[in-house]
Each structure stands twice: as structure tokens, then as C-alpha cells.
N, C-alpha and C. Protein backbone atom coordinates (compact mmCIF):
# COMPACT_ATOMS: atom_id res chain seq x y z
N UNK A 1 11.73 3.67 -12.18
CA UNK A 1 12.68 4.47 -11.41
C UNK A 1 12.54 4.14 -9.94
N UNK A 2 13.48 3.47 -9.39
CA UNK A 2 13.45 3.22 -7.96
C UNK A 2 14.87 3.07 -7.43
N UNK A 3 15.12 3.76 -6.34
CA UNK A 3 16.44 3.70 -5.71
C UNK A 3 16.54 2.54 -4.73
N UNK A 4 15.41 1.88 -4.46
CA UNK A 4 15.43 0.78 -3.48
C UNK A 4 16.30 -0.38 -3.94
N UNK A 5 16.57 -0.46 -5.23
CA UNK A 5 17.45 -1.51 -5.74
C UNK A 5 18.90 -1.33 -5.34
N UNK A 6 19.22 -0.16 -4.77
CA UNK A 6 20.60 0.13 -4.37
C UNK A 6 20.81 0.00 -2.86
N UNK A 7 19.94 -0.75 -2.21
CA UNK A 7 20.05 -0.90 -0.75
C UNK A 7 21.38 -1.52 -0.34
N UNK A 8 21.88 -2.49 -1.11
CA UNK A 8 23.17 -3.12 -0.76
C UNK A 8 24.30 -2.11 -0.80
N UNK A 9 24.31 -1.27 -1.82
CA UNK A 9 25.33 -0.21 -1.91
C UNK A 9 25.20 0.75 -0.74
N UNK A 10 23.97 1.14 -0.43
CA UNK A 10 23.75 2.06 0.69
C UNK A 10 24.24 1.44 2.00
N UNK A 11 23.99 0.14 2.18
CA UNK A 11 24.45 -0.52 3.41
C UNK A 11 25.97 -0.52 3.52
N UNK A 12 26.65 -0.68 2.38
CA UNK A 12 28.12 -0.62 2.42
C UNK A 12 28.59 0.79 2.77
N UNK A 13 27.95 1.79 2.21
CA UNK A 13 28.33 3.18 2.50
C UNK A 13 28.03 3.56 3.95
N UNK A 14 27.05 2.87 4.53
CA UNK A 14 26.65 3.18 5.90
C UNK A 14 27.60 2.63 6.96
N UNK A 15 28.44 1.67 6.60
CA UNK A 15 29.26 0.98 7.62
C UNK A 15 30.04 1.93 8.54
N UNK A 16 30.76 2.93 7.98
CA UNK A 16 31.47 3.83 8.91
C UNK A 16 30.52 4.63 9.81
N UNK A 17 29.35 4.96 9.28
CA UNK A 17 28.37 5.71 10.06
C UNK A 17 27.80 4.82 11.17
N UNK A 18 27.60 3.54 10.88
CA UNK A 18 27.12 2.61 11.90
C UNK A 18 28.15 2.49 13.01
N UNK A 19 29.42 2.35 12.62
CA UNK A 19 30.49 2.26 13.64
C UNK A 19 30.52 3.52 14.51
N UNK A 20 30.34 4.68 13.88
CA UNK A 20 30.35 5.94 14.64
C UNK A 20 29.16 6.01 15.59
N UNK A 21 27.99 5.56 15.10
CA UNK A 21 26.80 5.58 15.95
C UNK A 21 26.97 4.65 17.14
N UNK A 22 27.57 3.47 16.92
CA UNK A 22 27.83 2.53 18.02
C UNK A 22 28.80 3.17 19.02
N UNK A 23 29.82 3.85 18.50
CA UNK A 23 30.85 4.45 19.36
C UNK A 23 30.27 5.52 20.28
N UNK A 24 29.27 6.27 19.79
CA UNK A 24 28.69 7.33 20.64
C UNK A 24 27.49 6.84 21.45
N UNK A 25 27.15 5.56 21.31
CA UNK A 25 26.07 4.99 22.11
C UNK A 25 24.67 5.28 21.59
N UNK A 26 24.54 5.62 20.32
CA UNK A 26 23.22 5.89 19.75
C UNK A 26 22.42 4.60 19.65
N UNK A 27 21.12 4.72 19.78
CA UNK A 27 20.23 3.58 19.60
C UNK A 27 19.45 3.77 18.30
N UNK A 28 18.96 2.69 17.70
CA UNK A 28 18.17 2.83 16.48
C UNK A 28 16.94 3.73 16.67
N UNK A 29 16.28 3.61 17.82
CA UNK A 29 15.09 4.43 18.05
C UNK A 29 15.44 5.92 18.15
N UNK A 30 16.58 6.22 18.78
CA UNK A 30 16.97 7.63 18.89
C UNK A 30 17.32 8.19 17.52
N UNK A 31 17.93 7.37 16.67
CA UNK A 31 18.25 7.81 15.30
C UNK A 31 16.96 8.06 14.53
N UNK A 32 15.95 7.21 14.71
CA UNK A 32 14.66 7.41 14.04
C UNK A 32 14.02 8.73 14.46
N UNK A 33 14.10 9.05 15.75
CA UNK A 33 13.51 10.29 16.25
C UNK A 33 14.26 11.50 15.69
N UNK A 34 15.59 11.44 15.67
CA UNK A 34 16.37 12.55 15.11
C UNK A 34 16.07 12.72 13.63
N UNK A 35 15.90 11.61 12.91
CA UNK A 35 15.53 11.69 11.49
C UNK A 35 14.22 12.43 11.32
N UNK A 36 13.25 12.13 12.19
CA UNK A 36 11.96 12.82 12.11
C UNK A 36 12.11 14.32 12.40
N UNK A 37 12.96 14.67 13.34
CA UNK A 37 13.19 16.09 13.64
C UNK A 37 13.70 16.82 12.40
N UNK A 38 14.58 16.18 11.63
CA UNK A 38 15.06 16.80 10.40
C UNK A 38 13.96 16.93 9.36
N UNK A 39 13.01 15.99 9.34
CA UNK A 39 11.87 16.11 8.43
C UNK A 39 11.01 17.31 8.80
N UNK A 40 10.79 17.51 10.09
CA UNK A 40 10.02 18.67 10.55
C UNK A 40 10.75 19.96 10.21
N UNK A 41 12.06 19.97 10.39
CA UNK A 41 12.86 21.16 10.03
C UNK A 41 12.76 21.43 8.54
N UNK A 42 12.78 20.37 7.72
CA UNK A 42 12.64 20.54 6.27
C UNK A 42 11.29 21.15 5.94
N UNK A 43 10.24 20.64 6.58
CA UNK A 43 8.89 21.16 6.32
C UNK A 43 8.79 22.64 6.68
N UNK A 44 9.37 23.01 7.82
CA UNK A 44 9.35 24.42 8.24
C UNK A 44 10.10 25.29 7.24
N UNK A 45 11.23 24.79 6.75
CA UNK A 45 12.00 25.55 5.77
C UNK A 45 11.21 25.69 4.47
N UNK A 46 10.58 24.60 4.00
CA UNK A 46 9.80 24.68 2.76
C UNK A 46 8.61 25.61 2.91
N UNK A 47 8.05 25.68 4.11
CA UNK A 47 6.94 26.61 4.35
C UNK A 47 7.40 28.06 4.18
N UNK A 48 8.64 28.33 4.57
CA UNK A 48 9.19 29.69 4.39
C UNK A 48 9.32 30.07 2.93
N UNK A 49 9.59 29.09 2.06
CA UNK A 49 9.57 29.24 0.60
C UNK A 49 10.45 30.36 0.05
N UNK A 50 11.59 30.60 0.69
CA UNK A 50 12.57 31.52 0.11
C UNK A 50 13.69 30.68 -0.50
N UNK A 51 14.46 31.24 -1.41
CA UNK A 51 15.56 30.45 -2.00
C UNK A 51 16.48 29.82 -0.94
N UNK A 52 16.86 30.59 0.05
CA UNK A 52 17.74 30.06 1.09
C UNK A 52 17.06 28.94 1.88
N UNK A 53 15.80 29.15 2.24
CA UNK A 53 15.09 28.14 3.02
C UNK A 53 14.83 26.87 2.21
N UNK A 54 14.62 27.00 0.91
CA UNK A 54 14.49 25.80 0.08
C UNK A 54 15.79 24.98 0.12
N UNK A 55 16.92 25.68 0.06
CA UNK A 55 18.21 24.98 0.12
C UNK A 55 18.39 24.30 1.48
N UNK A 56 18.00 24.99 2.55
CA UNK A 56 18.08 24.40 3.89
C UNK A 56 17.17 23.18 3.99
N UNK A 57 15.95 23.31 3.44
CA UNK A 57 15.01 22.20 3.46
C UNK A 57 15.54 21.00 2.71
N UNK A 58 16.17 21.25 1.56
CA UNK A 58 16.75 20.16 0.77
C UNK A 58 17.81 19.42 1.57
N UNK A 59 18.67 20.17 2.26
CA UNK A 59 19.71 19.57 3.08
C UNK A 59 19.10 18.74 4.22
N UNK A 60 18.06 19.27 4.85
CA UNK A 60 17.41 18.53 5.94
C UNK A 60 16.79 17.23 5.44
N UNK A 61 16.24 17.25 4.23
CA UNK A 61 15.65 16.03 3.66
C UNK A 61 16.73 14.98 3.39
N UNK A 62 17.87 15.43 2.90
CA UNK A 62 18.98 14.51 2.66
C UNK A 62 19.42 13.86 3.98
N UNK A 63 19.53 14.66 5.03
CA UNK A 63 19.92 14.12 6.34
C UNK A 63 18.85 13.16 6.86
N UNK A 64 17.59 13.52 6.69
CA UNK A 64 16.49 12.65 7.11
C UNK A 64 16.58 11.29 6.41
N UNK A 65 16.81 11.30 5.11
CA UNK A 65 16.90 10.06 4.36
C UNK A 65 18.07 9.21 4.80
N UNK A 66 19.21 9.85 5.04
CA UNK A 66 20.40 9.11 5.45
C UNK A 66 20.20 8.49 6.83
N UNK A 67 19.62 9.26 7.75
CA UNK A 67 19.36 8.72 9.09
C UNK A 67 18.32 7.61 9.06
N UNK A 68 17.38 7.71 8.12
CA UNK A 68 16.37 6.67 7.98
C UNK A 68 17.00 5.35 7.56
N UNK A 69 18.04 5.42 6.76
CA UNK A 69 18.79 4.21 6.41
C UNK A 69 19.63 3.73 7.60
N UNK A 70 20.19 4.69 8.31
CA UNK A 70 21.11 4.36 9.41
C UNK A 70 20.42 3.63 10.54
N UNK A 71 19.17 4.00 10.87
CA UNK A 71 18.54 3.37 12.04
C UNK A 71 18.38 1.86 11.86
N UNK A 72 17.99 1.44 10.66
CA UNK A 72 17.86 0.00 10.41
C UNK A 72 19.19 -0.72 10.42
N UNK A 73 20.19 -0.10 9.78
CA UNK A 73 21.53 -0.71 9.76
C UNK A 73 22.11 -0.81 11.17
N UNK A 74 21.85 0.20 11.98
CA UNK A 74 22.34 0.19 13.36
C UNK A 74 21.64 -0.91 14.17
N UNK A 75 20.33 -1.08 13.95
CA UNK A 75 19.59 -2.12 14.67
C UNK A 75 20.13 -3.50 14.32
N UNK A 76 20.43 -3.70 13.04
CA UNK A 76 20.98 -5.01 12.65
C UNK A 76 22.37 -5.23 13.23
N UNK A 77 23.17 -4.17 13.26
CA UNK A 77 24.54 -4.28 13.81
C UNK A 77 24.49 -4.61 15.30
N UNK A 78 23.59 -3.99 16.03
CA UNK A 78 23.50 -4.21 17.47
C UNK A 78 22.69 -5.45 17.83
N UNK A 79 22.01 -6.02 16.82
CA UNK A 79 21.16 -7.17 17.09
C UNK A 79 19.92 -6.81 17.88
N UNK A 80 19.48 -5.54 17.75
CA UNK A 80 18.33 -5.07 18.50
C UNK A 80 17.12 -4.80 17.62
N UNK A 81 17.19 -5.27 16.35
CA UNK A 81 16.05 -5.05 15.47
C UNK A 81 14.85 -5.81 16.04
N UNK A 82 13.71 -5.12 16.06
CA UNK A 82 12.52 -5.69 16.69
C UNK A 82 11.28 -5.18 15.97
N UNK A 83 10.17 -5.85 16.25
CA UNK A 83 8.89 -5.43 15.68
C UNK A 83 8.52 -4.04 16.20
N UNK A 84 8.80 -3.78 17.48
CA UNK A 84 8.49 -2.47 18.07
C UNK A 84 9.30 -1.37 17.38
N UNK A 85 10.59 -1.63 17.16
CA UNK A 85 11.43 -0.65 16.48
C UNK A 85 10.97 -0.41 15.05
N UNK A 86 10.55 -1.48 14.37
CA UNK A 86 10.05 -1.36 13.00
C UNK A 86 8.78 -0.52 12.98
N UNK A 87 7.91 -0.75 13.97
CA UNK A 87 6.68 0.04 14.07
C UNK A 87 6.99 1.52 14.26
N UNK A 88 7.88 1.84 15.21
CA UNK A 88 8.25 3.23 15.45
C UNK A 88 8.82 3.86 14.19
N UNK A 89 9.70 3.15 13.51
CA UNK A 89 10.32 3.66 12.30
C UNK A 89 9.27 3.97 11.24
N UNK A 90 8.33 3.06 11.04
CA UNK A 90 7.31 3.27 10.01
C UNK A 90 6.36 4.40 10.36
N UNK A 91 5.98 4.50 11.62
CA UNK A 91 5.09 5.59 12.03
C UNK A 91 5.78 6.94 11.83
N UNK A 92 7.03 7.06 12.27
CA UNK A 92 7.75 8.31 12.10
C UNK A 92 7.99 8.62 10.63
N UNK A 93 8.24 7.60 9.81
CA UNK A 93 8.41 7.82 8.38
C UNK A 93 7.14 8.39 7.75
N UNK A 94 5.97 7.85 8.16
CA UNK A 94 4.72 8.35 7.58
C UNK A 94 4.47 9.79 8.02
N UNK A 95 4.72 10.09 9.28
CA UNK A 95 4.56 11.46 9.73
C UNK A 95 5.55 12.39 9.01
N UNK A 96 6.76 11.89 8.80
CA UNK A 96 7.75 12.68 8.07
C UNK A 96 7.28 12.96 6.65
N UNK A 97 6.73 11.94 5.99
CA UNK A 97 6.20 12.13 4.64
C UNK A 97 5.13 13.22 4.64
N UNK A 98 4.22 13.14 5.61
CA UNK A 98 3.11 14.10 5.66
C UNK A 98 3.62 15.52 5.90
N UNK A 99 4.50 15.70 6.89
CA UNK A 99 4.92 17.07 7.20
C UNK A 99 5.71 17.69 6.05
N UNK A 100 6.53 16.89 5.37
CA UNK A 100 7.31 17.44 4.25
C UNK A 100 6.39 17.86 3.11
N UNK A 101 5.42 17.03 2.76
CA UNK A 101 4.48 17.38 1.69
C UNK A 101 3.65 18.59 2.09
N UNK A 102 3.18 18.62 3.34
CA UNK A 102 2.39 19.77 3.81
C UNK A 102 3.23 21.04 3.79
N UNK A 103 4.50 20.94 4.19
CA UNK A 103 5.38 22.12 4.14
C UNK A 103 5.55 22.64 2.74
N UNK A 104 5.75 21.74 1.78
CA UNK A 104 5.88 22.16 0.38
C UNK A 104 4.60 22.82 -0.12
N UNK A 105 3.45 22.20 0.18
CA UNK A 105 2.17 22.73 -0.29
C UNK A 105 1.84 24.07 0.35
N UNK A 106 2.07 24.18 1.66
CA UNK A 106 1.76 25.43 2.36
C UNK A 106 2.66 26.56 1.90
N UNK A 107 3.90 26.24 1.58
CA UNK A 107 4.83 27.27 1.14
C UNK A 107 4.42 27.94 -0.15
N UNK A 108 3.71 27.21 -1.01
CA UNK A 108 3.26 27.80 -2.28
C UNK A 108 1.75 28.00 -2.31
N UNK A 109 1.08 27.71 -1.20
CA UNK A 109 -0.35 27.91 -1.12
C UNK A 109 -1.16 27.00 -2.03
N UNK A 110 -0.66 25.79 -2.31
CA UNK A 110 -1.38 24.84 -3.18
C UNK A 110 -1.81 23.63 -2.36
N UNK A 111 -2.85 23.86 -1.55
CA UNK A 111 -3.33 22.79 -0.68
C UNK A 111 -4.04 21.69 -1.47
N UNK A 112 -4.58 22.05 -2.65
CA UNK A 112 -5.20 21.03 -3.49
C UNK A 112 -4.16 20.02 -3.96
N UNK A 113 -3.02 20.52 -4.44
CA UNK A 113 -1.94 19.62 -4.85
C UNK A 113 -1.38 18.86 -3.65
N UNK A 114 -1.31 19.54 -2.51
CA UNK A 114 -0.80 18.90 -1.31
C UNK A 114 -1.67 17.72 -0.89
N UNK A 115 -3.00 17.89 -0.94
CA UNK A 115 -3.91 16.81 -0.57
C UNK A 115 -3.76 15.63 -1.53
N UNK A 116 -3.72 15.91 -2.82
CA UNK A 116 -3.57 14.84 -3.81
C UNK A 116 -2.23 14.13 -3.64
N UNK A 117 -1.18 14.90 -3.35
CA UNK A 117 0.17 14.32 -3.20
C UNK A 117 0.26 13.47 -1.93
N UNK A 118 -0.25 13.98 -0.83
CA UNK A 118 -0.09 13.25 0.43
C UNK A 118 -0.90 11.96 0.43
N UNK A 119 -2.07 11.95 -0.22
CA UNK A 119 -2.82 10.70 -0.29
C UNK A 119 -2.09 9.68 -1.16
N UNK A 120 -1.47 10.14 -2.25
CA UNK A 120 -0.68 9.23 -3.09
C UNK A 120 0.50 8.65 -2.33
N UNK A 121 1.18 9.50 -1.59
CA UNK A 121 2.35 9.06 -0.81
C UNK A 121 1.94 8.05 0.26
N UNK A 122 0.86 8.36 0.99
CA UNK A 122 0.43 7.46 2.07
C UNK A 122 -0.09 6.13 1.54
N UNK A 123 -0.83 6.16 0.44
CA UNK A 123 -1.34 4.91 -0.12
C UNK A 123 -0.22 4.05 -0.69
N UNK A 124 0.80 4.68 -1.25
CA UNK A 124 1.96 3.92 -1.72
C UNK A 124 2.59 3.16 -0.56
N UNK A 125 2.83 3.85 0.54
CA UNK A 125 3.44 3.21 1.71
C UNK A 125 2.51 2.16 2.31
N UNK A 126 1.22 2.47 2.38
CA UNK A 126 0.25 1.53 2.94
C UNK A 126 0.23 0.23 2.16
N UNK A 127 0.19 0.32 0.83
CA UNK A 127 0.14 -0.91 0.02
C UNK A 127 1.43 -1.71 0.15
N UNK A 128 2.56 -1.02 0.38
CA UNK A 128 3.82 -1.73 0.57
C UNK A 128 3.82 -2.59 1.82
N UNK A 129 3.26 -2.07 2.91
CA UNK A 129 3.23 -2.82 4.16
C UNK A 129 2.01 -3.72 4.26
N UNK A 130 0.92 -3.36 3.58
CA UNK A 130 -0.27 -4.21 3.62
C UNK A 130 0.01 -5.55 2.97
N UNK A 131 0.85 -5.57 1.94
CA UNK A 131 1.22 -6.84 1.32
C UNK A 131 1.86 -7.77 2.36
N UNK A 132 2.70 -7.19 3.21
CA UNK A 132 3.33 -7.99 4.27
C UNK A 132 2.28 -8.46 5.28
N UNK A 133 1.31 -7.61 5.56
CA UNK A 133 0.29 -7.95 6.55
C UNK A 133 -0.56 -9.14 6.12
N UNK A 134 -0.67 -9.37 4.81
CA UNK A 134 -1.47 -10.50 4.33
C UNK A 134 -0.59 -11.71 3.98
N UNK A 135 0.67 -11.67 4.42
CA UNK A 135 1.53 -12.83 4.28
C UNK A 135 2.51 -12.80 3.13
N UNK A 136 2.58 -11.71 2.39
CA UNK A 136 3.54 -11.58 1.30
C UNK A 136 4.77 -10.82 1.80
N UNK A 137 5.78 -10.70 0.94
CA UNK A 137 6.94 -9.88 1.29
C UNK A 137 6.56 -8.41 1.24
N UNK A 138 7.20 -7.61 2.08
CA UNK A 138 6.99 -6.17 2.03
C UNK A 138 7.43 -5.65 0.68
N UNK A 139 6.62 -4.76 0.10
CA UNK A 139 6.89 -4.25 -1.24
C UNK A 139 7.56 -2.88 -1.14
N UNK A 140 8.77 -2.78 -1.70
CA UNK A 140 9.47 -1.50 -1.72
C UNK A 140 9.50 -0.88 -3.12
N UNK A 141 9.28 -1.70 -4.13
CA UNK A 141 9.45 -1.24 -5.51
C UNK A 141 8.25 -0.47 -6.02
N UNK A 142 8.22 -0.36 -7.34
CA UNK A 142 7.17 0.40 -7.99
C UNK A 142 7.77 1.62 -8.66
N UNK A 143 6.90 2.46 -9.15
CA UNK A 143 7.37 3.64 -9.88
C UNK A 143 8.06 4.65 -8.97
N UNK A 144 7.58 4.77 -7.73
CA UNK A 144 8.11 5.83 -6.86
C UNK A 144 8.06 5.39 -5.41
N UNK A 145 9.17 4.85 -4.92
CA UNK A 145 9.26 4.45 -3.53
C UNK A 145 9.72 5.61 -2.65
N UNK A 146 9.86 5.36 -1.35
CA UNK A 146 10.22 6.44 -0.42
C UNK A 146 11.60 7.02 -0.73
N UNK A 147 12.55 6.16 -1.06
CA UNK A 147 13.89 6.67 -1.38
C UNK A 147 13.85 7.61 -2.58
N UNK A 148 13.03 7.25 -3.57
CA UNK A 148 12.88 8.11 -4.75
C UNK A 148 12.26 9.45 -4.36
N UNK A 149 11.23 9.39 -3.51
CA UNK A 149 10.56 10.64 -3.10
C UNK A 149 11.53 11.56 -2.37
N UNK A 150 12.30 10.99 -1.45
CA UNK A 150 13.25 11.82 -0.71
C UNK A 150 14.29 12.44 -1.64
N UNK A 151 14.77 11.65 -2.59
CA UNK A 151 15.75 12.18 -3.55
C UNK A 151 15.13 13.31 -4.37
N UNK A 152 13.89 13.12 -4.81
CA UNK A 152 13.23 14.15 -5.61
C UNK A 152 12.94 15.42 -4.79
N UNK A 153 12.57 15.24 -3.54
CA UNK A 153 12.34 16.42 -2.68
C UNK A 153 13.65 17.18 -2.49
N UNK A 154 14.75 16.45 -2.25
CA UNK A 154 16.04 17.10 -2.10
C UNK A 154 16.46 17.86 -3.34
N UNK A 155 16.31 17.23 -4.51
CA UNK A 155 16.68 17.88 -5.77
C UNK A 155 15.78 19.09 -6.02
N UNK A 156 14.49 18.93 -5.80
CA UNK A 156 13.54 20.02 -6.04
C UNK A 156 13.79 21.18 -5.09
N UNK A 157 14.10 20.87 -3.84
CA UNK A 157 14.43 21.95 -2.90
C UNK A 157 15.65 22.72 -3.36
N UNK A 158 16.66 21.98 -3.84
CA UNK A 158 17.85 22.64 -4.37
C UNK A 158 17.54 23.48 -5.59
N UNK A 159 16.73 22.96 -6.51
CA UNK A 159 16.34 23.71 -7.71
C UNK A 159 15.55 24.96 -7.36
N UNK A 160 14.68 24.82 -6.36
CA UNK A 160 13.83 25.96 -5.97
C UNK A 160 14.64 27.13 -5.45
N UNK A 161 15.86 26.85 -5.00
CA UNK A 161 16.73 27.94 -4.54
C UNK A 161 17.19 28.80 -5.71
N UNK A 162 17.14 28.26 -6.93
CA UNK A 162 17.65 28.98 -8.10
C UNK A 162 16.62 29.18 -9.20
N UNK A 163 15.61 28.32 -9.28
CA UNK A 163 14.63 28.38 -10.36
C UNK A 163 13.27 28.71 -9.77
N UNK A 164 12.76 29.93 -9.95
CA UNK A 164 11.49 30.29 -9.32
C UNK A 164 10.27 29.60 -9.94
N UNK A 165 10.26 29.39 -11.25
CA UNK A 165 9.09 28.78 -11.89
C UNK A 165 9.47 28.19 -13.24
N UNK A 166 8.74 27.16 -13.61
CA UNK A 166 8.88 26.53 -14.92
C UNK A 166 7.48 26.41 -15.51
N UNK A 167 7.26 27.04 -16.67
CA UNK A 167 5.94 27.04 -17.33
C UNK A 167 4.85 27.55 -16.39
N UNK A 168 5.19 28.54 -15.58
CA UNK A 168 4.22 29.16 -14.70
C UNK A 168 4.01 28.47 -13.36
N UNK A 169 4.68 27.34 -13.14
CA UNK A 169 4.54 26.63 -11.87
C UNK A 169 5.90 26.52 -11.19
N UNK A 170 5.89 26.65 -9.86
CA UNK A 170 7.13 26.50 -9.12
C UNK A 170 7.58 25.05 -9.16
N UNK A 171 8.88 24.80 -8.95
CA UNK A 171 9.34 23.40 -8.87
C UNK A 171 8.58 22.60 -7.81
N UNK A 172 8.23 23.25 -6.70
CA UNK A 172 7.48 22.55 -5.66
C UNK A 172 6.11 22.11 -6.16
N UNK A 173 5.45 22.95 -6.96
CA UNK A 173 4.14 22.59 -7.51
C UNK A 173 4.26 21.41 -8.47
N UNK A 174 5.30 21.43 -9.30
CA UNK A 174 5.53 20.31 -10.22
C UNK A 174 5.77 19.02 -9.44
N UNK A 175 6.55 19.12 -8.36
CA UNK A 175 6.84 17.93 -7.55
C UNK A 175 5.59 17.38 -6.91
N UNK A 176 4.76 18.25 -6.36
CA UNK A 176 3.51 17.79 -5.74
C UNK A 176 2.61 17.12 -6.76
N UNK A 177 2.54 17.68 -7.96
CA UNK A 177 1.73 17.07 -9.02
C UNK A 177 2.28 15.68 -9.38
N UNK A 178 3.61 15.58 -9.44
CA UNK A 178 4.23 14.28 -9.72
C UNK A 178 3.89 13.27 -8.64
N UNK A 179 4.01 13.69 -7.36
CA UNK A 179 3.68 12.79 -6.26
C UNK A 179 2.22 12.36 -6.32
N UNK A 180 1.34 13.29 -6.70
CA UNK A 180 -0.09 12.97 -6.77
C UNK A 180 -0.36 11.91 -7.83
N UNK A 181 0.19 12.11 -9.02
CA UNK A 181 -0.09 11.18 -10.12
C UNK A 181 0.67 9.86 -9.94
N UNK A 182 1.99 9.96 -9.79
CA UNK A 182 2.81 8.76 -9.75
C UNK A 182 2.63 8.01 -8.42
N UNK A 183 2.34 8.73 -7.35
CA UNK A 183 2.09 8.06 -6.08
C UNK A 183 0.89 7.13 -6.16
N UNK A 184 -0.20 7.61 -6.75
CA UNK A 184 -1.38 6.77 -6.88
C UNK A 184 -1.13 5.63 -7.87
N UNK A 185 -0.39 5.90 -8.93
CA UNK A 185 -0.06 4.82 -9.87
C UNK A 185 0.78 3.74 -9.20
N UNK A 186 1.73 4.16 -8.35
CA UNK A 186 2.56 3.20 -7.63
C UNK A 186 1.72 2.37 -6.67
N UNK A 187 0.77 3.02 -5.99
CA UNK A 187 -0.12 2.29 -5.08
C UNK A 187 -0.92 1.24 -5.84
N UNK A 188 -1.44 1.61 -7.00
CA UNK A 188 -2.21 0.66 -7.81
C UNK A 188 -1.29 -0.47 -8.29
N UNK A 189 -0.07 -0.11 -8.69
CA UNK A 189 0.89 -1.12 -9.15
C UNK A 189 1.17 -2.13 -8.03
N UNK A 190 1.35 -1.65 -6.81
CA UNK A 190 1.62 -2.55 -5.69
C UNK A 190 0.40 -3.41 -5.36
N UNK A 191 -0.78 -2.81 -5.46
CA UNK A 191 -2.00 -3.58 -5.22
C UNK A 191 -2.15 -4.71 -6.23
N UNK A 192 -1.95 -4.39 -7.50
CA UNK A 192 -2.09 -5.41 -8.55
C UNK A 192 -1.08 -6.53 -8.35
N UNK A 193 0.16 -6.17 -8.00
CA UNK A 193 1.19 -7.17 -7.76
C UNK A 193 0.78 -8.10 -6.62
N UNK A 194 0.31 -7.53 -5.52
CA UNK A 194 -0.10 -8.34 -4.37
C UNK A 194 -1.34 -9.19 -4.72
N UNK A 195 -2.29 -8.59 -5.42
CA UNK A 195 -3.50 -9.31 -5.79
C UNK A 195 -3.19 -10.54 -6.63
N UNK A 196 -2.28 -10.38 -7.58
CA UNK A 196 -1.92 -11.50 -8.45
C UNK A 196 -1.26 -12.63 -7.65
N UNK A 197 -0.50 -12.25 -6.63
CA UNK A 197 0.14 -13.29 -5.82
C UNK A 197 -0.87 -14.02 -4.92
N UNK A 198 -1.93 -13.34 -4.58
CA UNK A 198 -2.91 -13.91 -3.65
C UNK A 198 -4.02 -14.69 -4.35
N UNK A 199 -4.22 -14.46 -5.64
CA UNK A 199 -5.34 -15.11 -6.32
C UNK A 199 -4.86 -16.14 -7.34
């Protein structure tokens, strides 16, 4: 399960948004910062853990994901894509991942699941970029990439507005458990893939 295979479709859907961003004078870095602000807003909403706030958090995550796609497309359109911009984007993405997971965990008081989930999420991302650091292509695939996580957080936030618990656990708890297990499996999958290419 990975949405990263649909990047070409996403880029086509982004074209009108890129034109609009160019028209208003937005820069890729400013779009990255605004995307991070929406991630923080999502985390704050998930911390509130009410049905309405879960719905708000889900919407903020969707906007964060869309803007995260837009900043790269805008940089390519303007011809301003750079290593510095890539660094800023990745740093803000990692902080966004952390704050969203922490918001979900704090909202339900499950810091144990939050710790397991956030380490899985961070290691997945680390292994994706570490492959590039050792001379391979950057790895986006695997069981659960960032696009998949954002989609799942958005869906779970929406579900949490209507479904308080399933088998005694909130949707947020189930999501954190999924991130913990599948995140680490994805990290291992990426490591094995890179290792095989290097040896």
C-alpha cells in the first residue's frame, strides 16, 4: 500500500494550484512553512480529542499534505529547486510528523503508543533519505510512506468524529499502533532494499 506511485497524477492535479501560487508570488519555502503551520494546527486539534476537533484536525492534515506536494511542484515550476529548499522541506516534514503523532497520542493519553509510532515514522523517513546519502536513489516506497500516513491520519481523524471506539480502542489508538508496527517494518524493508543494492 503506497500512494507514492501516484505522484504523476498528483503533479497533474497540482498544475492549477502551482499557477495560482505563482500568480500570488508564493515561494516554495513559504509554502513549506505554511504546510508546517497546518500540521501544528492538526496536532492541537487532535490533542483536544473532541469529535469536532478530530474533524478539524483531519482537514488540517489534508491541507498539510496538499501543500507539501505543492512546494516541490512550485520549486520545479520556478526553477528554484535547491538543496537548501529540499533540506528545509525535509526538516519541516519530520517536525510535522512528530507533532501530529504527539497530538494524537496526547489526546488519548497513550504516550507509549505515541513513542512507538513516532520512532517508526522517523526511522521510515530516515532510511528513505539515508539510501540517498550513500549514493542510491531516495526511497519513497515500502509498506507505509509519508503520503500513506497523511491519508490514514486524515481518514482516522474523520472517523474519530463519529466512531468513539472499536474493540475498546479509539481510532487514534489503532492508528498509532499501526504506525508503530508498520512503520518499523517499512524501515526494515527500506534498509534491506538498500543493503542488497550496496553489497
